[in-house]
Amino acid sequence: MSTSDHDRWMGVCLDAAEEAARTGDFPNGACVVVGQQVIAVSGSEAAGGADPTAHAEVSSLRNAAASGRLSPGATLFTTLEPCAMCLHSAAVAGVREIVFACKRSDVGDAAYVSNLGATALAEQLLQPLILTHHGDPKGRIAKLITTFLSRDPH
């Protein structure tokens, strides 16, 4: 995939993150891409505690699997460096690469519940998983997340 593809898919993720923020949820968005097609998109859906595992990445993977179109080698795009749960879920789902916009250091530790970094975790997986930092050149994603965290640090 080219940089313009990454920009396009990250735009899809940003839209999902903004929608999650509008509904009061954590502003993270993710999409699953197979070939050149988005097969699932989700924002975080964990607000209110109904399903604390409904991070954008996990929800996107669930939706992709439910559609019957998730296949080994898929790429997961996400606005934020994945947590341990999301990284492991992607690996189990057969994702080949995770492309993320904001590094953990861009938004602070309040967005995470552990000190386990994605790169260190990815290196421990039995199947290789590529982590690609796409970046957040305009700072829109980091601003969305840090604004949310300043209002609701939990």
C-alpha atoms as a PDB file:
ATOM      1  CA  MET A   1       0.000   0.000   0.000  1.00  0.00           C
ATOM      2  CA  SER A   2       1.166   3.504  -0.754  1.00  0.00           C
ATOM      3  CA  THR A   3       1.340   6.527   1.523  1.00  0.00           C
ATOM      4  CA  SER A   4      -1.806   7.897  -0.131  1.00  0.00           C
ATOM      5  CA  ASP A   5      -3.595   4.628   0.709  1.00  0.00           C
ATOM      6  CA  HIS A   6      -2.446   4.968   4.312  1.00  0.00           C
ATOM      7  CA  ASP A   7      -3.696   8.565   4.366  1.00  0.00           C
ATOM      8  CA  ARG A   8      -7.072   7.479   3.001  1.00  0.00           C
ATOM      9  CA  TRP A   9      -7.540   4.633   5.487  1.00  0.00           C
ATOM     10  CA  MET A  10      -6.357   6.811   8.372  1.00  0.00           C
ATOM     11  CA  GLY A  11      -8.997   9.347   7.342  1.00  0.00           C
ATOM     12  CA  VAL A  12     -11.615   6.604   7.715  1.00  0.00           C
ATOM     13  CA  CYS A  13     -10.244   5.911  11.203  1.00  0.00           C
ATOM     14  CA  LEU A  14     -10.300   9.603  12.124  1.00  0.00           C
ATOM     15  CA  ASP A  15     -13.961   9.852  11.074  1.00  0.00           C
ATOM     16  CA  ALA A  16     -14.774   6.866  13.325  1.00  0.00           C
ATOM     17  CA  ALA A  17     -12.800   8.421  16.203  1.00  0.00           C
ATOM     18  CA  GLU A  18     -14.674  11.709  15.839  1.00  0.00           C
ATOM     19  CA  GLU A  19     -17.995   9.851  15.846  1.00  0.00           C
ATOM     20  CA  ALA A  20     -16.976   7.966  19.000  1.00  0.00           C
ATOM     21  CA  ALA A  21     -16.106  11.286  20.657  1.00  0.00           C
ATOM     22  CA  ARG A  22     -19.492  12.759  19.661  1.00  0.00           C
ATOM     23  CA  THR A  23     -21.217   9.869  21.440  1.00  0.00           C
ATOM     24  CA  GLY A  24     -19.091  10.334  24.570  1.00  0.00           C
ATOM     25  CA  ASP A  25     -16.733   7.441  23.976  1.00  0.00           C
ATOM     26  CA  PHE A  26     -12.963   7.382  23.823  1.00  0.00           C
ATOM     27  CA  PRO A  27     -11.966   8.990  20.498  1.00  0.00           C
ATOM     28  CA  ASN A  28     -10.201   6.124  18.784  1.00  0.00           C
ATOM     29  CA  GLY A  29     -11.095   4.730  15.380  1.00  0.00           C
ATOM     30  CA  ALA A  30      -9.967   1.669  13.464  1.00  0.00           C
ATOM     31  CA  CYS A  31     -10.601  -0.078  10.179  1.00  0.00           C
ATOM     32  CA  VAL A  32      -9.660  -3.431   8.695  1.00  0.00           C
ATOM     33  CA  VAL A  33      -8.393  -3.438   5.119  1.00  0.00           C
ATOM     34  CA  VAL A  34      -8.090  -6.507   2.898  1.00  0.00           C
ATOM     35  CA  GLY A  35      -6.446  -5.794  -0.435  1.00  0.00           C
ATOM     36  CA  GLN A  36      -7.567  -2.275  -1.220  1.00  0.00           C
ATOM     37  CA  GLN A  37     -10.971  -2.502   0.457  1.00  0.00           C
ATOM     38  CA  VAL A  38     -12.137  -1.454   3.913  1.00  0.00           C
ATOM     39  CA  ILE A  39     -14.152  -4.386   5.231  1.00  0.00           C
ATOM     40  CA  ALA A  40     -14.943  -3.035   8.714  1.00  0.00           C
ATOM     41  CA  VAL A  41     -14.804   0.277  10.573  1.00  0.00           C
ATOM     42  CA  SER A  42     -15.441   1.063  14.198  1.00  0.00           C
ATOM     43  CA  GLY A  43     -14.891   3.689  16.813  1.00  0.00           C
ATOM     44  CA  SER A  44     -14.430   2.843  20.467  1.00  0.00           C
ATOM     45  CA  GLU A  45     -17.629   1.489  21.993  1.00  0.00           C
ATOM     46  CA  ALA A  46     -16.510   0.819  25.570  1.00  0.00           C
ATOM     47  CA  ALA A  47     -18.155   3.827  27.268  1.00  0.00           C
ATOM     48  CA  GLY A  48     -20.443   3.102  30.135  1.00  0.00           C
ATOM     49  CA  GLY A  49     -18.752  -0.187  30.902  1.00  0.00           C
ATOM     50  CA  ALA A  50     -21.185  -2.313  28.877  1.00  0.00           C
ATOM     51  CA  ASP A  51     -18.239  -3.965  27.104  1.00  0.00           C
ATOM     52  CA  PRO A  52     -14.812  -2.850  28.285  1.00  0.00           C
ATOM     53  CA  THR A  53     -13.191  -4.847  25.464  1.00  0.00           C
ATOM     54  CA  ALA A  54     -14.962  -2.836  22.752  1.00  0.00           C
ATOM     55  CA  HIS A  55     -11.909  -0.823  21.781  1.00  0.00           C
ATOM     56  CA  ALA A  56     -12.030   0.421  18.187  1.00  0.00           C
ATOM     57  CA  GLU A  57      -9.502  -2.187  17.039  1.00  0.00           C
ATOM     58  CA  VAL A  58     -11.295  -5.146  18.640  1.00  0.00           C
ATOM     59  CA  SER A  59     -14.697  -3.943  17.431  1.00  0.00           C
ATOM     60  CA  SER A  60     -13.362  -3.572  13.883  1.00  0.00           C
ATOM     61  CA  LEU A  61     -11.908  -7.078  13.998  1.00  0.00           C
ATOM     62  CA  ARG A  62     -15.208  -8.472  15.330  1.00  0.00           C
ATOM     63  CA  ASN A  63     -17.151  -6.724  12.570  1.00  0.00           C
ATOM     64  CA  ALA A  64     -14.715  -7.972   9.923  1.00  0.00           C
ATOM     65  CA  ALA A  65     -14.992 -11.540  11.204  1.00  0.00           C
ATOM     66  CA  ALA A  66     -18.792 -11.327  11.344  1.00  0.00           C
ATOM     67  CA  SER A  67     -18.852 -10.188   7.714  1.00  0.00           C
ATOM     68  CA  GLY A  68     -16.987 -13.335   6.678  1.00  0.00           C
ATOM     69  CA  ARG A  69     -14.388 -11.224   4.853  1.00  0.00           C
ATOM     70  CA  LEU A  70     -11.569 -11.184   7.407  1.00  0.00           C
ATOM     71  CA  SER A  71      -8.649 -13.081   5.950  1.00  0.00           C
ATOM     72  CA  PRO A  72      -5.068 -13.744   7.014  1.00  0.00           C
ATOM     73  CA  GLY A  73      -2.803 -10.927   5.941  1.00  0.00           C
ATOM     74  CA  ALA A  74      -5.323  -8.153   6.598  1.00  0.00           C
ATOM     75  CA  THR A  75      -4.105  -4.728   7.672  1.00  0.00           C
ATOM     76  CA  LEU A  76      -5.525  -2.975  10.725  1.00  0.00           C
ATOM     77  CA  PHE A  77      -5.417   0.825  10.699  1.00  0.00           C
ATOM     78  CA  THR A  78      -5.963   2.692  13.956  1.00  0.00           C
ATOM     79  CA  THR A  79      -5.653   6.234  15.202  1.00  0.00           C
ATOM     80  CA  LEU A  80      -3.732   5.216  18.332  1.00  0.00           C
ATOM     81  CA  GLU A  81      -0.869   2.819  19.086  1.00  0.00           C
ATOM     82  CA  PRO A  82      -2.666  -0.380  20.120  1.00  0.00           C
ATOM     83  CA  CYS A  83      -2.861  -1.584  23.704  1.00  0.00           C
ATOM     84  CA  ALA A  84      -1.831  -5.117  24.667  1.00  0.00           C
ATOM     85  CA  MET A  85      -5.368  -6.513  24.245  1.00  0.00           C
ATOM     86  CA  CYS A  86      -5.836  -5.011  20.784  1.00  0.00           C
ATOM     87  CA  LEU A  87      -2.391  -6.060  19.598  1.00  0.00           C
ATOM     88  CA  HIS A  88      -2.943  -9.639  20.689  1.00  0.00           C
ATOM     89  CA  SER A  89      -6.447  -9.717  19.187  1.00  0.00           C
ATOM     90  CA  ALA A  90      -5.038  -8.561  15.853  1.00  0.00           C
ATOM     91  CA  ALA A  91      -2.375 -11.265  15.950  1.00  0.00           C
ATOM     92  CA  VAL A  92      -4.929 -13.981  16.727  1.00  0.00           C
ATOM     93  CA  ALA A  93      -7.123 -12.690  13.872  1.00  0.00           C
ATOM     94  CA  GLY A  94      -4.267 -13.116  11.394  1.00  0.00           C
ATOM     95  CA  VAL A  95      -3.565  -9.425  10.847  1.00  0.00           C
ATOM     96  CA  ARG A  96      -0.205  -8.967   9.113  1.00  0.00           C
ATOM     97  CA  GLU A  97       0.312  -5.272   9.807  1.00  0.00           C
ATOM     98  CA  ILE A  98      -1.014  -2.616  12.162  1.00  0.00           C
ATOM     99  CA  VAL A  99      -0.686   0.960  10.936  1.00  0.00           C
ATOM    100  CA  PHE A 100      -1.230   3.566  13.648  1.00  0.00           C
ATOM    101  CA  ALA A 101      -1.198   7.363  13.712  1.00  0.00           C
ATOM    102  CA  CYS A 102      -0.398   8.460  17.264  1.00  0.00           C
ATOM    103  CA  LYS A 103       2.288   6.951  19.406  1.00  0.00           C
ATOM    104  CA  ARG A 104       1.563   6.372  23.056  1.00  0.00           C
ATOM    105  CA  SER A 105       4.013   9.189  23.836  1.00  0.00           C
ATOM    106  CA  ASP A 106       1.910  11.600  21.719  1.00  0.00           C
ATOM    107  CA  VAL A 107      -1.083  11.352  24.060  1.00  0.00           C
ATOM    108  CA  GLY A 108       0.333  10.281  27.438  1.00  0.00           C
ATOM    109  CA  ASP A 109      -0.081   7.207  29.552  1.00  0.00           C
ATOM    110  CA  ALA A 110      -3.641   8.034  30.669  1.00  0.00           C
ATOM    111  CA  ALA A 111      -4.928   6.304  27.532  1.00  0.00           C
ATOM    112  CA  TYR A 112      -3.386   2.986  28.642  1.00  0.00           C
ATOM    113  CA  VAL A 113      -3.707   0.645  31.625  1.00  0.00           C
ATOM    114  CA  SER A 114      -0.230  -0.902  31.455  1.00  0.00           C
ATOM    115  CA  ASN A 115       3.338   0.022  30.679  1.00  0.00           C
ATOM    116  CA  LEU A 116       3.592  -2.645  27.994  1.00  0.00           C
ATOM    117  CA  GLY A 117       4.467  -0.995  24.693  1.00  0.00           C
ATOM    118  CA  ALA A 118       3.175  -2.322  21.378  1.00  0.00           C
ATOM    119  CA  THR A 119       6.619  -2.792  19.848  1.00  0.00           C
ATOM    120  CA  ALA A 120       7.911  -4.882  22.755  1.00  0.00           C
ATOM    121  CA  LEU A 121       4.749  -6.987  22.685  1.00  0.00           C
ATOM    122  CA  ALA A 122       4.847  -7.481  18.915  1.00  0.00           C
ATOM    123  CA  GLU A 123       8.366  -8.855  19.232  1.00  0.00           C
ATOM    124  CA  GLN A 124       7.071 -11.552  21.613  1.00  0.00           C
ATOM    125  CA  LEU A 125       4.438 -12.902  19.223  1.00  0.00           C
ATOM    126  CA  LEU A 126       4.963 -16.287  17.617  1.00  0.00           C
ATOM    127  CA  GLN A 127       3.732 -14.978  14.248  1.00  0.00           C
ATOM    128  CA  PRO A 128       5.350 -11.788  12.941  1.00  0.00           C
ATOM    129  CA  LEU A 129       3.218  -8.667  13.156  1.00  0.00           C
ATOM    130  CA  ILE A 130       4.433  -5.489  11.490  1.00  0.00           C
ATOM    131  CA  LEU A 131       3.838  -2.233  13.357  1.00  0.00           C
ATOM    132  CA  THR A 132       3.966   0.878  11.179  1.00  0.00           C
ATOM    133  CA  HIS A 133       3.856   4.365  12.651  1.00  0.00           C
ATOM    134  CA  HIS A 134       1.994   6.409  10.029  1.00  0.00           C
ATOM    135  CA  GLY A 135       2.109   9.615  12.018  1.00  0.00           C
ATOM    136  CA  ASP A 136      -0.390  12.367  12.713  1.00  0.00           C
ATOM    137  CA  PRO A 137       1.074  15.197  10.622  1.00  0.00           C
ATOM    138  CA  LYS A 138      -1.654  17.724  11.347  1.00  0.00           C
ATOM    139  CA  GLY A 139      -1.952  16.739  15.011  1.00  0.00           C
ATOM    140  CA  ARG A 140      -5.724  16.284  14.696  1.00  0.00           C
ATOM    141  CA  ILE A 141      -5.837  12.835  16.247  1.00  0.00           C
ATOM    142  CA  ALA A 142      -3.565  13.668  19.188  1.00  0.00           C
ATOM    143  CA  LYS A 143      -5.597  16.823  19.861  1.00  0.00           C
ATOM    144  CA  LEU A 144      -8.872  14.874  19.796  1.00  0.00           C
ATOM    145  CA  ILE A 145      -7.523  12.323  22.282  1.00  0.00           C
ATOM    146  CA  THR A 146      -5.763  14.750  24.630  1.00  0.00           C
ATOM    147  CA  THR A 147      -8.844  16.992  24.722  1.00  0.00           C
ATOM    148  CA  PHE A 148     -10.978  13.990  25.677  1.00  0.00           C
ATOM    149  CA  LEU A 149      -8.493  12.872  28.342  1.00  0.00           C
ATOM    150  CA  SER A 150      -8.349  16.365  29.857  1.00  0.00           C
ATOM    151  CA  ARG A 151     -12.118  16.162  30.432  1.00  0.00           C
ATOM    152  CA  ASP A 152     -12.314  12.471  31.409  1.00  0.00           C
ATOM    153  CA  PRO A 153      -8.959  10.986  32.480  1.00  0.00           C
ATOM    154  CA  HIS A 154     -10.469   7.538  33.105  1.00  0.00           C
END
